[in-house]
C-alpha atoms as a PDB file:
ATOM      1  CA  MET A   1       0.277   0.187   0.148  1.00  0.00           C
ATOM      2  CA  VAL A   2       2.736   2.522   0.706  1.00  0.00           C
ATOM      3  CA  SER A   3       4.628   1.434  -2.628  1.00  0.00           C
ATOM      4  CA  CYS A   4       1.264   2.601  -4.297  1.00  0.00           C
ATOM      5  CA  TRP A   5       1.435   6.227  -2.591  1.00  0.00           C
ATOM      6  CA  ILE A   6       5.094   6.286  -4.008  1.00  0.00           C
ATOM      7  CA  LYS A   7       4.537   5.856  -7.436  1.00  0.00           C
ATOM      8  CA  LEU A   8       1.528   7.722  -7.084  1.00  0.00           C
ATOM      9  CA  LYS A   9       3.600  10.864  -5.695  1.00  0.00           C
ATOM     10  CA  ASN A  10       6.477   9.939  -7.952  1.00  0.00           C
ATOM     11  CA  LEU A  11       3.807   9.856 -10.566  1.00  0.00           C
ATOM     12  CA  ILE A  12       2.561  13.399  -9.579  1.00  0.00           C
ATOM     13  CA  THR A  13       6.116  15.542  -9.038  1.00  0.00           C
ATOM     14  CA  SER A  14       7.350  14.189 -12.906  1.00  0.00           C
ATOM     15  CA  PHE A  15       4.696  14.235 -15.064  1.00  0.00           C
ATOM     16  CA  ASN A  16       5.404  17.225 -17.317  1.00  0.00           C
ATOM     17  CA  LEU A  17       2.626  18.058 -20.347  1.00  0.00           C
ATOM     18  CA  PHE A  18       5.331  20.433 -21.779  1.00  0.00           C
ATOM     19  CA  ASN A  19       7.932  18.500 -21.965  1.00  0.00           C
ATOM     20  CA  ASN A  20      10.656  20.005 -25.205  1.00  0.00           C
ATOM     21  CA  GLU A  21      13.568  17.335 -23.950  1.00  0.00           C
ATOM     22  CA  SER A  22      15.317  20.190 -21.586  1.00  0.00           C
ATOM     23  CA  ARG A  23      18.619  19.393 -19.064  1.00  0.00           C
ATOM     24  CA  ASP A  24      17.827  22.224 -17.416  1.00  0.00           C
ATOM     25  CA  ARG A  25      16.480  21.303 -13.915  1.00  0.00           C
ATOM     26  CA  SER A  26      15.443  25.162 -13.404  1.00  0.00           C
ATOM     27  CA  ILE A  27      13.495  24.701 -16.941  1.00  0.00           C
ATOM     28  CA  ILE A  28      12.229  21.288 -15.876  1.00  0.00           C
ATOM     29  CA  ARG A  29      10.372  22.484 -12.645  1.00  0.00           C
ATOM     30  CA  CYS A  30       8.819  25.932 -14.254  1.00  0.00           C
ATOM     31  CA  GLN A  31       7.512  23.255 -17.298  1.00  0.00           C
ATOM     32  CA  ARG A  32       6.438  20.978 -14.118  1.00  0.00           C
ATOM     33  CA  LEU A  33       4.303  23.895 -12.226  1.00  0.00           C
ATOM     34  CA  SER A  34       3.207  24.569 -15.181  1.00  0.00           C
ATOM     35  CA  THR A  35       1.431  21.469 -15.862  1.00  0.00           C
ATOM     36  CA  LEU A  36       0.340  21.485 -11.790  1.00  0.00           C
ATOM     37  CA  PHE A  37      -1.178  25.037 -12.484  1.00  0.00           C
ATOM     38  CA  PHE A  38      -2.723  23.767 -15.774  1.00  0.00           C
ATOM     39  CA  ILE A  39      -4.254  20.695 -14.718  1.00  0.00           C
ATOM     40  CA  ILE A  40      -5.606  22.997 -11.413  1.00  0.00           C
ATOM     41  CA  VAL A  41      -6.987  25.396 -13.191  1.00  0.00           C
ATOM     42  CA  PHE A  42      -8.459  22.844 -16.281  1.00  0.00           C
ATOM     43  CA  ILE A  43     -10.255  20.663 -13.114  1.00  0.00           C
ATOM     44  CA  THR A  44     -11.662  23.743 -11.522  1.00  0.00           C
ATOM     45  CA  LEU A  45     -13.285  25.208 -14.765  1.00  0.00           C
ATOM     46  CA  SER A  46     -14.929  21.342 -15.211  1.00  0.00           C
ATOM     47  CA  ILE A  47     -16.556  21.242 -11.701  1.00  0.00           C
ATOM     48  CA  ASN A  48     -17.727  25.117 -12.196  1.00  0.00           C
ATOM     49  CA  ILE A  49     -19.575  24.042 -15.700  1.00  0.00           C
ATOM     50  CA  ILE A  50     -21.052  21.097 -14.175  1.00  0.00           C
ATOM     51  CA  ILE A  51     -21.865  22.940 -10.996  1.00  0.00           C
ATOM     52  CA  TYR A  52     -23.582  25.972 -12.971  1.00  0.00           C
ATOM     53  CA  THR A  53     -25.264  23.351 -15.568  1.00  0.00           C
ATOM     54  CA  TRP A  54     -27.194  21.340 -12.553  1.00  0.00           C
ATOM     55  CA  ILE A  55     -27.865  23.911 -10.520  1.00  0.00           C
ATOM     56  CA  SER A  56     -29.230  26.550 -13.526  1.00  0.00           C
ATOM     57  CA  GLU A  57     -33.131  26.882 -14.125  1.00  0.00           C
ATOM     58  CA  LYS A  58     -34.474  24.978 -17.010  1.00  0.00           C
ATOM     59  CA  THR A  59     -36.898  26.811 -19.271  1.00  0.00           C
ATOM     60  CA  LYS A  60     -40.004  24.518 -20.627  1.00  0.00           C
ATOM     61  CA  ALA A  61     -42.207  25.654 -23.043  1.00  0.00           C
ATOM     62  CA  TYR A  62     -46.183  24.362 -22.686  1.00  0.00           C
ATOM     63  CA  ILE A  63     -48.105  25.028 -25.787  1.00  0.00           C
ATOM     64  CA  VAL A  64     -52.412  24.848 -24.327  1.00  0.00           C
ATOM     65  CA  TYR A  65     -54.312  25.102 -27.556  1.00  0.00           C
ATOM     66  CA  SER A  66     -57.725  26.697 -27.490  1.00  0.00           C
ATOM     67  CA  PRO A  67     -57.808  26.895 -23.320  1.00  0.00           C
ATOM     68  CA  ASP A  68     -61.284  28.574 -22.570  1.00  0.00           C
ATOM     69  CA  GLN A  69     -61.118  31.739 -19.921  1.00  0.00           C
ATOM     70  CA  SER A  70     -60.293  29.847 -16.423  1.00  0.00           C
ATOM     71  CA  THR A  71     -57.392  27.759 -18.084  1.00  0.00           C
ATOM     72  CA  ILE A  72     -55.970  31.243 -18.970  1.00  0.00           C
ATOM     73  CA  GLU A  73     -56.687  32.573 -15.311  1.00  0.00           C
ATOM     74  CA  ASN A  74     -55.776  29.970 -14.203  1.00  0.00           C
ATOM     75  CA  LEU A  75     -51.729  29.907 -15.985  1.00  0.00           C
ATOM     76  CA  GLN A  76     -51.979  33.515 -15.468  1.00  0.00           C
ATOM     77  CA  SER A  77     -52.044  33.400 -11.740  1.00  0.00           C
ATOM     78  CA  LEU A  78     -49.493  30.709 -11.879  1.00  0.00           C
ATOM     79  CA  TYR A  79     -47.110  32.529 -14.000  1.00  0.00           C
ATOM     80  CA  PRO A  80     -47.735  36.290 -14.768  1.00  0.00           C
ATOM     81  CA  ASP A  81     -43.797  36.944 -15.862  1.00  0.00           C
ATOM     82  CA  THR A  82     -43.901  33.861 -18.662  1.00  0.00           C
ATOM     83  CA  LEU A  83     -46.982  32.975 -19.744  1.00  0.00           C
ATOM     84  CA  ASN A  84     -47.006  33.754 -23.564  1.00  0.00           C
ATOM     85  CA  CYS A  85     -50.197  34.035 -25.350  1.00  0.00           C
ATOM     86  CA  PRO A  86     -49.519  34.744 -29.382  1.00  0.00           C
ATOM     87  CA  CYS A  87     -52.617  35.015 -31.025  1.00  0.00           C
ATOM     88  CA  ASN A  88     -52.278  33.293 -34.128  1.00  0.00           C
ATOM     89  CA  GLN A  89     -56.135  32.344 -34.527  1.00  0.00           C
ATOM     90  CA  ILE A  90     -57.867  35.534 -34.993  1.00  0.00           C
ATOM     91  CA  SER A  91     -61.462  35.677 -33.737  1.00  0.00           C
ATOM     92  CA  ILE A  92     -63.632  36.986 -36.222  1.00  0.00           C
ATOM     93  CA  PRO A  93     -62.833  35.415 -39.969  1.00  0.00           C
ATOM     94  CA  TYR A  94     -61.836  37.491 -42.767  1.00  0.00           C
ATOM     95  CA  ASN A  95     -65.029  36.263 -44.621  1.00  0.00           C
ATOM     96  CA  LYS A  96     -67.389  37.981 -42.587  1.00  0.00           C
ATOM     97  CA  LEU A  97     -65.622  41.317 -42.485  1.00  0.00           C
ATOM     98  CA  PHE A  98     -64.740  41.524 -46.310  1.00  0.00           C
ATOM     99  CA  ASN A  99     -66.677  40.169 -49.017  1.00  0.00           C
ATOM    100  CA  ASP A 100     -64.747  40.000 -51.812  1.00  0.00           C
ATOM    101  CA  GLN A 101     -67.005  38.779 -54.657  1.00  0.00           C
ATOM    102  CA  ILE A 102     -65.753  40.012 -57.735  1.00  0.00           C
ATOM    103  CA  ILE A 103     -68.181  42.198 -60.023  1.00  0.00           C
ATOM    104  CA  TYR A 104     -67.441  42.745 -63.455  1.00  0.00           C
ATOM    105  CA  HIS A 105     -69.125  46.020 -65.374  1.00  0.00           C
ATOM    106  CA  GLU A 106     -69.437  46.445 -69.508  1.00  0.00           C
ATOM    107  CA  VAL A 107     -66.889  48.272 -71.092  1.00  0.00           C
ATOM    108  CA  ASN A 108     -68.422  50.734 -73.612  1.00  0.00           C
ATOM    109  CA  GLN A 109     -66.351  51.974 -76.952  1.00  0.00           C
ATOM    110  CA  PHE A 110     -67.008  55.388 -77.999  1.00  0.00           C
ATOM    111  CA  PHE A 111     -64.825  55.403 -80.908  1.00  0.00           C
END
């Protein structure tokens, strides 16, 4: 068990993502510190993104076709800020408002 911890410690201390085959100890030390910093930042940001997506509110849209007045009032009381009513069906059809019968008139020639 102790040897596993020693191997893990050696792996962590010798891990280098930025290895450029240098023999200089200070460069190798900077590379290992940069690797450690990169891994810590990467893990921290990953955890933050996971937590943010887990606790953020999700919006669900429901469509209620042809609701009656009591349903509209109930939904308005439950969701006053988010209720949306796109008026895609008019209450009076156009053929009741407009008469579109074509009447042709005779054209007289005066020449």
